N, C-alpha and C. Protein backbone atom coordinates (compact mmCIF):
# COMPACT_ATOMS: atom_id res chain seq x y z
N MET A 1 -18.17 -0.16 15.70
CA MET A 1 -18.95 -0.09 14.53
C MET A 1 -18.54 1.17 13.69
N LYS A 2 -18.42 2.35 14.40
CA LYS A 2 -18.05 3.59 13.82
C LYS A 2 -16.71 3.50 13.10
N ASP A 3 -15.70 2.76 13.82
CA ASP A 3 -14.36 2.63 13.28
C ASP A 3 -14.44 1.81 11.99
N ASN A 4 -15.24 0.69 11.99
CA ASN A 4 -15.29 -0.08 10.76
C ASN A 4 -15.87 0.69 9.58
N LEU A 5 -16.79 1.55 9.86
CA LEU A 5 -17.44 2.40 8.80
C LEU A 5 -16.35 3.33 8.25
N LEU A 6 -15.56 3.91 9.12
CA LEU A 6 -14.45 4.84 8.73
C LEU A 6 -13.49 4.04 7.87
N ILE A 7 -13.13 2.85 8.26
CA ILE A 7 -12.27 2.03 7.51
C ILE A 7 -12.81 1.72 6.07
N ALA A 8 -14.09 1.37 6.03
CA ALA A 8 -14.73 1.12 4.78
C ALA A 8 -14.71 2.34 3.83
N PHE A 9 -14.98 3.53 4.46
CA PHE A 9 -14.94 4.80 3.76
C PHE A 9 -13.53 5.03 3.21
N LYS A 10 -12.55 4.82 4.05
CA LYS A 10 -11.17 5.02 3.64
C LYS A 10 -10.82 4.07 2.44
N ALA A 11 -11.28 2.88 2.50
CA ALA A 11 -11.01 1.95 1.41
C ALA A 11 -11.63 2.34 0.13
N LEU A 12 -12.93 2.85 0.22
CA LEU A 12 -13.65 3.25 -0.92
C LEU A 12 -12.98 4.47 -1.56
N THR A 13 -12.52 5.39 -0.70
CA THR A 13 -11.79 6.59 -1.10
C THR A 13 -10.53 6.23 -1.84
N PHE A 14 -9.74 5.35 -1.34
CA PHE A 14 -8.51 4.89 -1.95
C PHE A 14 -8.76 4.26 -3.27
N VAL A 15 -9.78 3.35 -3.41
CA VAL A 15 -10.18 2.67 -4.63
C VAL A 15 -10.44 3.72 -5.68
N LEU A 16 -11.42 4.61 -5.32
CA LEU A 16 -11.91 5.62 -6.26
C LEU A 16 -10.68 6.54 -6.73
N LEU A 17 -9.90 7.00 -5.80
CA LEU A 17 -8.77 7.77 -6.16
C LEU A 17 -7.82 7.08 -7.15
N GLN A 18 -7.56 5.83 -6.86
CA GLN A 18 -6.71 4.98 -7.72
C GLN A 18 -7.30 4.76 -9.07
N VAL A 19 -8.55 4.32 -9.20
CA VAL A 19 -8.99 3.94 -10.47
C VAL A 19 -9.56 5.11 -11.30
N LEU A 20 -9.97 6.18 -10.69
CA LEU A 20 -10.45 7.40 -11.40
C LEU A 20 -9.40 8.33 -11.77
N VAL A 21 -8.25 8.40 -10.98
CA VAL A 21 -7.34 9.49 -11.13
C VAL A 21 -5.95 8.87 -11.43
N LEU A 22 -5.47 8.12 -10.41
CA LEU A 22 -4.05 7.70 -10.53
C LEU A 22 -3.76 6.67 -11.60
N ASN A 23 -4.70 5.84 -11.91
CA ASN A 23 -4.45 4.77 -12.98
C ASN A 23 -4.29 5.50 -14.37
N HIS A 24 -4.62 6.68 -14.46
CA HIS A 24 -4.59 7.45 -15.73
C HIS A 24 -3.31 8.33 -15.84
N ILE A 25 -2.50 8.27 -14.81
CA ILE A 25 -1.28 9.08 -14.69
C ILE A 25 -0.09 8.15 -14.83
N GLN A 26 0.71 8.25 -15.82
CA GLN A 26 1.95 7.59 -15.98
C GLN A 26 3.06 8.52 -16.18
N LEU A 27 3.77 8.69 -15.18
CA LEU A 27 4.92 9.65 -15.20
C LEU A 27 5.99 9.10 -16.10
N PHE A 28 6.47 9.92 -16.91
CA PHE A 28 7.62 9.51 -17.92
C PHE A 28 7.12 8.44 -18.83
N GLY A 29 5.86 8.20 -18.89
CA GLY A 29 5.26 7.13 -19.74
C GLY A 29 5.33 5.71 -19.23
N TRP A 30 5.90 5.53 -18.05
CA TRP A 30 5.90 4.19 -17.56
C TRP A 30 5.89 4.07 -15.98
N CYS A 31 5.85 5.17 -15.29
CA CYS A 31 6.01 5.18 -13.81
C CYS A 31 4.59 5.43 -13.22
N GLY A 32 4.09 4.39 -12.56
CA GLY A 32 2.75 4.51 -12.05
C GLY A 32 2.79 4.93 -10.57
N ILE A 33 1.67 5.49 -10.13
CA ILE A 33 1.49 5.87 -8.68
C ILE A 33 0.43 4.93 -8.15
N TYR A 34 0.87 4.06 -7.22
CA TYR A 34 -0.07 3.07 -6.64
C TYR A 34 -0.29 3.42 -5.18
N LEU A 35 -1.01 4.40 -4.91
CA LEU A 35 -1.26 5.05 -3.63
C LEU A 35 -2.26 4.10 -2.86
N TYR A 36 -3.03 3.31 -3.53
CA TYR A 36 -3.97 2.43 -2.86
C TYR A 36 -3.39 1.46 -1.83
N ILE A 37 -2.08 1.16 -1.94
CA ILE A 37 -1.40 0.29 -1.05
C ILE A 37 -1.38 0.84 0.36
N ILE A 38 -1.42 2.17 0.51
CA ILE A 38 -1.44 2.82 1.86
C ILE A 38 -2.56 2.27 2.74
N PHE A 39 -3.67 1.94 2.09
CA PHE A 39 -4.80 1.40 2.92
C PHE A 39 -4.36 0.11 3.55
N ILE A 40 -3.68 -0.79 2.91
CA ILE A 40 -3.25 -2.04 3.42
C ILE A 40 -2.19 -1.79 4.47
N LEU A 41 -1.27 -0.91 4.20
CA LEU A 41 -0.18 -0.58 5.11
C LEU A 41 -0.69 -0.09 6.45
N THR A 42 -1.78 0.69 6.44
CA THR A 42 -2.30 1.34 7.66
C THR A 42 -3.54 0.62 8.27
N LEU A 43 -3.73 -0.64 7.89
CA LEU A 43 -4.91 -1.31 8.51
C LEU A 43 -4.63 -1.41 10.01
N PRO A 44 -5.64 -1.36 10.84
CA PRO A 44 -5.51 -1.37 12.26
C PRO A 44 -4.79 -2.73 12.73
N ASN A 45 -4.05 -2.62 13.68
CA ASN A 45 -3.36 -3.80 14.26
C ASN A 45 -4.37 -4.74 14.98
N ARG A 46 -5.49 -4.30 15.34
CA ARG A 46 -6.47 -5.11 16.02
C ARG A 46 -7.06 -6.23 15.10
N PHE A 47 -6.95 -6.12 13.79
CA PHE A 47 -7.53 -7.11 12.86
C PHE A 47 -6.72 -8.38 12.97
N LYS A 48 -7.38 -9.51 13.03
CA LYS A 48 -6.73 -10.81 13.06
C LYS A 48 -6.19 -10.96 11.59
N PRO A 49 -5.10 -11.79 11.46
CA PRO A 49 -4.54 -11.94 10.09
C PRO A 49 -5.50 -12.48 9.10
N ILE A 50 -6.41 -13.32 9.43
CA ILE A 50 -7.38 -13.83 8.40
C ILE A 50 -8.31 -12.69 7.90
N ILE A 51 -8.60 -11.80 8.82
CA ILE A 51 -9.55 -10.66 8.41
C ILE A 51 -8.77 -9.73 7.47
N SER A 52 -7.46 -9.45 7.85
CA SER A 52 -6.63 -8.67 7.04
C SER A 52 -6.45 -9.25 5.59
N LEU A 53 -6.27 -10.57 5.50
CA LEU A 53 -6.13 -11.24 4.23
C LEU A 53 -7.47 -11.16 3.39
N LEU A 54 -8.56 -11.28 4.05
CA LEU A 54 -9.85 -11.17 3.38
C LEU A 54 -10.04 -9.80 2.90
N ILE A 55 -9.76 -8.78 3.72
CA ILE A 55 -9.90 -7.41 3.30
C ILE A 55 -8.93 -7.12 2.11
N ALA A 56 -7.74 -7.56 2.14
CA ALA A 56 -6.80 -7.32 1.07
C ALA A 56 -7.25 -8.05 -0.20
N ALA A 57 -7.85 -9.21 -0.14
CA ALA A 57 -8.30 -9.87 -1.30
C ALA A 57 -9.44 -9.14 -1.93
N LEU A 58 -10.37 -8.65 -1.17
CA LEU A 58 -11.60 -7.93 -1.71
C LEU A 58 -11.12 -6.56 -2.25
N TYR A 59 -10.23 -5.93 -1.46
CA TYR A 59 -9.65 -4.59 -1.95
C TYR A 59 -8.92 -4.71 -3.24
N GLY A 60 -7.91 -5.70 -3.30
CA GLY A 60 -7.19 -5.91 -4.54
C GLY A 60 -8.11 -6.30 -5.66
N GLY A 61 -9.14 -7.05 -5.37
CA GLY A 61 -10.07 -7.51 -6.39
C GLY A 61 -10.78 -6.28 -6.98
N CYS A 62 -11.20 -5.32 -6.15
CA CYS A 62 -11.74 -4.09 -6.58
C CYS A 62 -10.86 -3.27 -7.57
N ILE A 63 -9.66 -3.16 -7.18
CA ILE A 63 -8.70 -2.43 -7.92
C ILE A 63 -8.55 -3.21 -9.35
N ASP A 64 -8.39 -4.53 -9.30
CA ASP A 64 -8.31 -5.33 -10.52
C ASP A 64 -9.40 -5.16 -11.37
N ILE A 65 -10.63 -5.18 -10.88
CA ILE A 65 -11.87 -5.08 -11.70
C ILE A 65 -11.92 -3.70 -12.41
N PHE A 66 -11.67 -2.66 -11.67
CA PHE A 66 -11.77 -1.40 -12.26
C PHE A 66 -10.59 -1.02 -13.08
N SER A 67 -9.46 -1.74 -12.90
CA SER A 67 -8.29 -1.50 -13.78
C SER A 67 -8.25 -2.33 -14.95
N GLY A 68 -9.00 -3.38 -14.97
CA GLY A 68 -9.03 -4.27 -16.15
C GLY A 68 -7.96 -5.28 -16.19
N VAL A 69 -7.30 -5.48 -15.02
CA VAL A 69 -6.26 -6.48 -15.00
C VAL A 69 -6.63 -7.45 -13.82
N TYR A 70 -6.92 -8.69 -14.15
CA TYR A 70 -7.55 -9.58 -13.10
C TYR A 70 -6.53 -10.42 -12.53
N GLY A 71 -6.37 -10.17 -11.15
CA GLY A 71 -5.49 -11.05 -10.37
C GLY A 71 -4.26 -10.35 -9.90
N MET A 72 -3.70 -9.39 -10.68
CA MET A 72 -2.42 -8.82 -10.29
C MET A 72 -2.42 -8.00 -8.99
N HIS A 73 -3.31 -7.18 -8.86
CA HIS A 73 -3.49 -6.37 -7.70
C HIS A 73 -3.93 -7.28 -6.49
N THR A 74 -4.80 -8.15 -6.68
CA THR A 74 -5.24 -9.06 -5.62
C THR A 74 -4.07 -9.87 -5.15
N ALA A 75 -3.25 -10.41 -5.99
CA ALA A 75 -2.09 -11.21 -5.53
C ALA A 75 -1.15 -10.38 -4.72
N THR A 76 -0.87 -9.15 -5.20
CA THR A 76 0.11 -8.29 -4.49
C THR A 76 -0.39 -7.82 -3.18
N THR A 77 -1.67 -7.41 -3.09
CA THR A 77 -2.18 -6.90 -1.82
C THR A 77 -2.37 -8.06 -0.76
N VAL A 78 -2.68 -9.18 -1.26
CA VAL A 78 -2.81 -10.42 -0.31
C VAL A 78 -1.43 -10.73 0.23
N LEU A 79 -0.40 -10.71 -0.64
CA LEU A 79 0.98 -10.98 -0.18
C LEU A 79 1.39 -9.86 0.87
N ILE A 80 1.17 -8.67 0.61
CA ILE A 80 1.44 -7.53 1.50
C ILE A 80 0.70 -7.71 2.87
N ALA A 81 -0.53 -8.09 2.81
CA ALA A 81 -1.29 -8.35 4.03
C ALA A 81 -0.74 -9.55 4.75
N TYR A 82 -0.24 -10.50 4.09
CA TYR A 82 0.31 -11.70 4.72
C TYR A 82 1.60 -11.45 5.42
N ILE A 83 2.54 -10.66 4.79
CA ILE A 83 3.82 -10.49 5.34
C ILE A 83 3.89 -9.26 6.27
N ARG A 84 2.86 -8.48 6.23
CA ARG A 84 2.77 -7.24 6.92
C ARG A 84 3.12 -7.42 8.48
N PRO A 85 2.57 -8.33 9.21
CA PRO A 85 2.90 -8.50 10.65
C PRO A 85 4.42 -8.74 10.83
N SER A 86 5.01 -9.56 9.95
CA SER A 86 6.39 -9.90 10.08
C SER A 86 7.30 -8.70 9.82
N VAL A 87 6.92 -7.94 8.82
CA VAL A 87 7.72 -6.68 8.49
C VAL A 87 7.52 -5.68 9.56
N LEU A 88 6.37 -5.56 10.12
CA LEU A 88 6.15 -4.62 11.17
C LEU A 88 7.06 -4.95 12.43
N LYS A 89 7.14 -6.24 12.70
CA LYS A 89 7.96 -6.65 13.87
C LYS A 89 9.45 -6.30 13.59
N LEU A 90 9.88 -6.30 12.33
CA LEU A 90 11.22 -6.01 12.03
C LEU A 90 11.58 -4.58 12.45
N PHE A 91 10.71 -3.65 12.24
CA PHE A 91 10.97 -2.21 12.34
C PHE A 91 10.32 -1.54 13.49
N VAL A 92 9.24 -2.11 14.05
CA VAL A 92 8.49 -1.41 15.11
C VAL A 92 8.45 -2.31 16.33
N SER A 93 8.87 -1.77 17.45
CA SER A 93 8.81 -2.49 18.68
C SER A 93 7.39 -2.77 19.15
N GLN A 94 7.21 -3.78 19.90
CA GLN A 94 5.90 -4.23 20.45
C GLN A 94 5.24 -3.03 21.20
N GLU A 95 6.10 -2.33 21.91
CA GLU A 95 5.50 -1.20 22.71
C GLU A 95 4.96 -0.06 21.73
N GLN A 96 5.68 0.14 20.66
CA GLN A 96 5.18 1.15 19.69
C GLN A 96 3.86 0.61 19.02
N GLN A 97 3.86 -0.65 18.70
CA GLN A 97 2.68 -1.20 18.04
C GLN A 97 1.40 -1.11 19.05
N GLU A 98 1.66 -1.21 20.28
CA GLU A 98 0.55 -1.05 21.18
C GLU A 98 0.09 0.35 21.35
N LYS A 99 0.89 1.31 21.05
CA LYS A 99 0.50 2.68 21.13
C LYS A 99 -0.62 3.12 20.08
N GLY A 100 -0.54 2.41 18.99
CA GLY A 100 -1.53 2.74 17.99
C GLY A 100 -1.34 2.05 16.61
N ASP A 101 -2.16 2.31 15.71
CA ASP A 101 -2.05 1.68 14.42
C ASP A 101 -0.99 2.31 13.60
N PRO A 102 -0.54 1.57 12.47
CA PRO A 102 0.57 2.11 11.71
C PRO A 102 0.36 3.43 11.13
N SER A 103 1.25 4.35 11.49
CA SER A 103 1.26 5.73 10.94
C SER A 103 2.60 6.37 11.32
N ALA A 104 2.95 7.39 10.60
CA ALA A 104 4.23 8.14 10.93
C ALA A 104 4.15 8.74 12.37
N LYS A 105 2.92 9.16 12.65
CA LYS A 105 2.75 9.81 14.02
C LYS A 105 3.01 8.84 15.08
N ASN A 106 2.52 7.57 15.05
CA ASN A 106 2.62 6.60 16.03
C ASN A 106 3.98 5.94 16.07
N TYR A 107 4.63 5.71 14.83
CA TYR A 107 5.83 4.94 14.77
C TYR A 107 7.11 5.70 14.37
N ASN A 108 6.92 7.01 14.15
CA ASN A 108 7.95 7.86 13.73
C ASN A 108 8.68 7.32 12.43
N ASN A 109 10.04 7.36 12.37
CA ASN A 109 10.72 6.88 11.19
C ASN A 109 10.62 5.43 10.90
N ALA A 110 10.29 4.65 11.91
CA ALA A 110 10.12 3.21 11.78
C ALA A 110 8.95 2.90 10.76
N PHE A 111 7.98 3.78 10.76
CA PHE A 111 6.91 3.63 9.85
C PHE A 111 7.28 3.68 8.36
N TYR A 112 8.27 4.60 8.03
CA TYR A 112 8.71 4.74 6.73
C TYR A 112 9.62 3.54 6.24
N TYR A 113 10.34 2.98 7.21
CA TYR A 113 11.11 1.69 6.87
C TYR A 113 10.24 0.58 6.61
N TYR A 114 9.23 0.48 7.44
CA TYR A 114 8.16 -0.53 7.27
C TYR A 114 7.46 -0.32 5.90
N ALA A 115 7.05 0.85 5.65
CA ALA A 115 6.27 1.21 4.46
C ALA A 115 7.15 0.97 3.21
N PHE A 116 8.40 1.48 3.24
CA PHE A 116 9.26 1.27 2.12
C PHE A 116 9.40 -0.19 1.74
N THR A 117 9.64 -1.00 2.74
CA THR A 117 9.84 -2.39 2.51
C THR A 117 8.64 -2.98 1.83
N LEU A 118 7.53 -2.75 2.40
CA LEU A 118 6.30 -3.43 1.78
C LEU A 118 5.92 -2.72 0.38
N ILE A 119 6.13 -1.53 0.23
CA ILE A 119 5.92 -0.89 -1.06
C ILE A 119 6.90 -1.49 -2.11
N PHE A 120 8.14 -1.66 -1.70
CA PHE A 120 9.09 -2.18 -2.61
C PHE A 120 8.70 -3.68 -3.07
N ILE A 121 8.35 -4.43 -2.09
CA ILE A 121 7.89 -5.81 -2.43
C ILE A 121 6.67 -5.81 -3.28
N HIS A 122 5.69 -5.01 -2.98
CA HIS A 122 4.46 -4.87 -3.72
C HIS A 122 4.66 -4.50 -5.16
N HIS A 123 5.52 -3.38 -5.30
CA HIS A 123 5.70 -2.87 -6.67
C HIS A 123 6.59 -3.81 -7.54
N THR A 124 7.52 -4.43 -6.96
CA THR A 124 8.44 -5.33 -7.65
C THR A 124 7.55 -6.55 -8.16
N LEU A 125 6.71 -7.10 -7.28
CA LEU A 125 5.91 -8.24 -7.67
C LEU A 125 4.84 -7.78 -8.75
N LEU A 126 4.27 -6.64 -8.60
CA LEU A 126 3.27 -6.11 -9.45
C LEU A 126 3.84 -5.98 -10.91
N TYR A 127 5.07 -5.43 -11.00
CA TYR A 127 5.71 -5.11 -12.27
C TYR A 127 6.18 -6.46 -12.87
N LEU A 128 6.69 -7.46 -12.04
CA LEU A 128 7.03 -8.65 -12.59
C LEU A 128 5.83 -9.43 -13.11
N LEU A 129 4.69 -9.39 -12.46
CA LEU A 129 3.50 -10.00 -12.92
C LEU A 129 3.01 -9.34 -14.18
N GLU A 130 3.16 -8.05 -14.31
CA GLU A 130 2.73 -7.38 -15.52
C GLU A 130 3.64 -7.81 -16.68
N ALA A 131 4.90 -7.85 -16.53
CA ALA A 131 5.81 -8.28 -17.54
C ALA A 131 5.69 -9.69 -17.85
N PHE A 132 5.50 -10.54 -16.81
CA PHE A 132 5.35 -11.98 -16.90
C PHE A 132 6.46 -12.66 -17.72
N THR A 133 7.68 -12.02 -17.62
CA THR A 133 8.92 -12.57 -18.21
C THR A 133 10.06 -12.06 -17.51
N LEU A 134 11.18 -12.69 -17.57
CA LEU A 134 12.43 -12.14 -17.03
C LEU A 134 13.25 -11.47 -18.13
N ASN A 135 12.79 -11.53 -19.41
CA ASN A 135 13.42 -10.70 -20.43
C ASN A 135 13.18 -9.25 -20.11
N GLY A 136 14.22 -8.50 -20.22
CA GLY A 136 14.04 -7.02 -19.91
C GLY A 136 13.87 -6.77 -18.43
N ILE A 137 14.48 -7.60 -17.58
CA ILE A 137 14.34 -7.45 -16.12
C ILE A 137 14.84 -6.12 -15.62
N GLY A 138 15.85 -5.62 -16.30
CA GLY A 138 16.37 -4.29 -15.95
C GLY A 138 15.32 -3.15 -16.06
N ILE A 139 14.65 -3.18 -17.15
CA ILE A 139 13.62 -2.17 -17.42
C ILE A 139 12.47 -2.40 -16.46
N THR A 140 12.05 -3.65 -16.19
CA THR A 140 11.03 -3.88 -15.24
C THR A 140 11.39 -3.38 -13.87
N MET A 141 12.62 -3.71 -13.42
CA MET A 141 13.01 -3.21 -12.09
C MET A 141 13.19 -1.66 -12.05
N LEU A 142 13.58 -1.08 -13.14
CA LEU A 142 13.60 0.38 -13.13
C LEU A 142 12.20 1.02 -13.00
N LYS A 143 11.22 0.43 -13.69
CA LYS A 143 9.82 0.78 -13.59
C LYS A 143 9.32 0.63 -12.09
N ALA A 144 9.65 -0.46 -11.54
CA ALA A 144 9.33 -0.75 -10.19
C ALA A 144 9.90 0.18 -9.23
N LEU A 145 11.21 0.45 -9.31
CA LEU A 145 11.88 1.35 -8.37
C LEU A 145 11.44 2.82 -8.57
N SER A 146 11.13 3.19 -9.72
CA SER A 146 10.73 4.62 -9.93
C SER A 146 9.29 4.74 -9.37
N SER A 147 8.46 3.68 -9.52
CA SER A 147 7.13 3.74 -8.91
C SER A 147 7.18 3.69 -7.35
N VAL A 148 8.12 2.88 -6.82
CA VAL A 148 8.36 2.90 -5.38
C VAL A 148 8.71 4.35 -4.88
N GLY A 149 9.55 4.95 -5.62
CA GLY A 149 9.92 6.32 -5.12
C GLY A 149 8.76 7.30 -5.19
N ILE A 150 7.92 7.25 -6.30
CA ILE A 150 6.82 8.11 -6.38
C ILE A 150 5.79 7.87 -5.40
N THR A 151 5.53 6.56 -5.10
CA THR A 151 4.49 6.14 -4.20
C THR A 151 4.99 6.51 -2.79
N LEU A 152 6.21 6.37 -2.58
CA LEU A 152 6.79 6.69 -1.20
C LEU A 152 6.66 8.25 -0.98
N LEU A 153 6.97 8.99 -1.99
CA LEU A 153 6.71 10.41 -1.85
C LEU A 153 5.29 10.80 -1.57
N ALA A 154 4.38 10.15 -2.22
CA ALA A 154 3.02 10.40 -2.03
C ALA A 154 2.61 9.94 -0.60
N LEU A 155 3.09 8.88 -0.09
CA LEU A 155 2.87 8.43 1.28
C LEU A 155 3.41 9.44 2.26
N ILE A 156 4.52 9.96 2.09
CA ILE A 156 5.16 10.98 2.94
C ILE A 156 4.26 12.27 2.94
N LEU A 157 3.84 12.57 1.80
CA LEU A 157 2.98 13.77 1.70
C LEU A 157 1.58 13.57 2.42
N SER A 158 1.00 12.37 2.15
CA SER A 158 -0.23 12.10 2.85
C SER A 158 -0.08 12.03 4.37
N GLN A 159 1.02 11.45 4.84
CA GLN A 159 1.23 11.42 6.30
C GLN A 159 1.46 12.78 6.84
N SER A 160 2.11 13.65 6.14
CA SER A 160 2.36 15.05 6.65
C SER A 160 1.08 15.81 6.63
N ILE A 161 0.19 15.60 5.68
CA ILE A 161 -1.12 16.30 5.66
C ILE A 161 -1.94 15.71 6.78
N LYS A 162 -2.03 14.42 6.98
CA LYS A 162 -2.72 13.87 8.04
C LYS A 162 -2.31 14.36 9.40
N ASN A 163 -0.96 14.38 9.59
CA ASN A 163 -0.48 14.86 10.89
C ASN A 163 -0.72 16.38 11.12
N SER A 164 -0.64 17.17 10.06
CA SER A 164 -0.83 18.67 10.20
C SER A 164 -2.29 18.92 10.53
N ARG A 165 -3.28 18.06 9.94
CA ARG A 165 -4.66 18.32 10.27
C ARG A 165 -4.99 17.96 11.66
N LYS A 166 -4.36 16.91 12.17
CA LYS A 166 -4.68 16.51 13.54
C LYS A 166 -4.10 17.38 14.64
N GLU A 167 -2.97 18.17 14.26
CA GLU A 167 -2.38 19.12 15.12
C GLU A 167 -3.15 20.37 15.19
N SER A 168 -3.91 20.79 14.16
CA SER A 168 -4.69 21.97 14.13
C SER A 168 -5.88 21.95 14.97
C-alpha cells in the first residue's frame, strides 16, 4: 500500500512539473522537455501489463487535459507502456530485471539504452501527431531529435541526483 502511494505521489509530481513548468519552456523556440515520460519508464516491473496500460492512459490523459491537447500524450504514453516490456527484454537481462525496477542504479548502462529507445519512439510519435502531416518531415524529426536529447539529458541528471541521494 505504501509503495502504491509513493507511485501515485511520483505521478502527481511529474504531472505538476510538466504542466506547470516544463510545458512553458521551449528551447530555441521549438524544443520541448517531456520529462513526464520518466514516470512510465520507471514503473515497477511487478505491475501486470493491463495495469501499466491503464496507468499510462490515465497519466497521459492528465497531461493532455492540462496541456490543452487531447489524445496526443495519451496515445504516446499508452504506446510506450505497451512496448515497454519488449524493449526492456532487448536491453536488460532477466536476472537484472529481477534485481529491481527500471533505474540506472539497477540496470547500469542498459537502462539508458532502454530509456533512449522509448524516449525516441515517444517523441517521434508525439511530434508526428502534433504536425499531423508528412510535409516538413525533416523539421518535425529535427524537433523530435532535439527534444529526445534534452529529455535524455534531464533523465541522466535526475538519475544522478536520485543515486547520489541514496548513497548519502
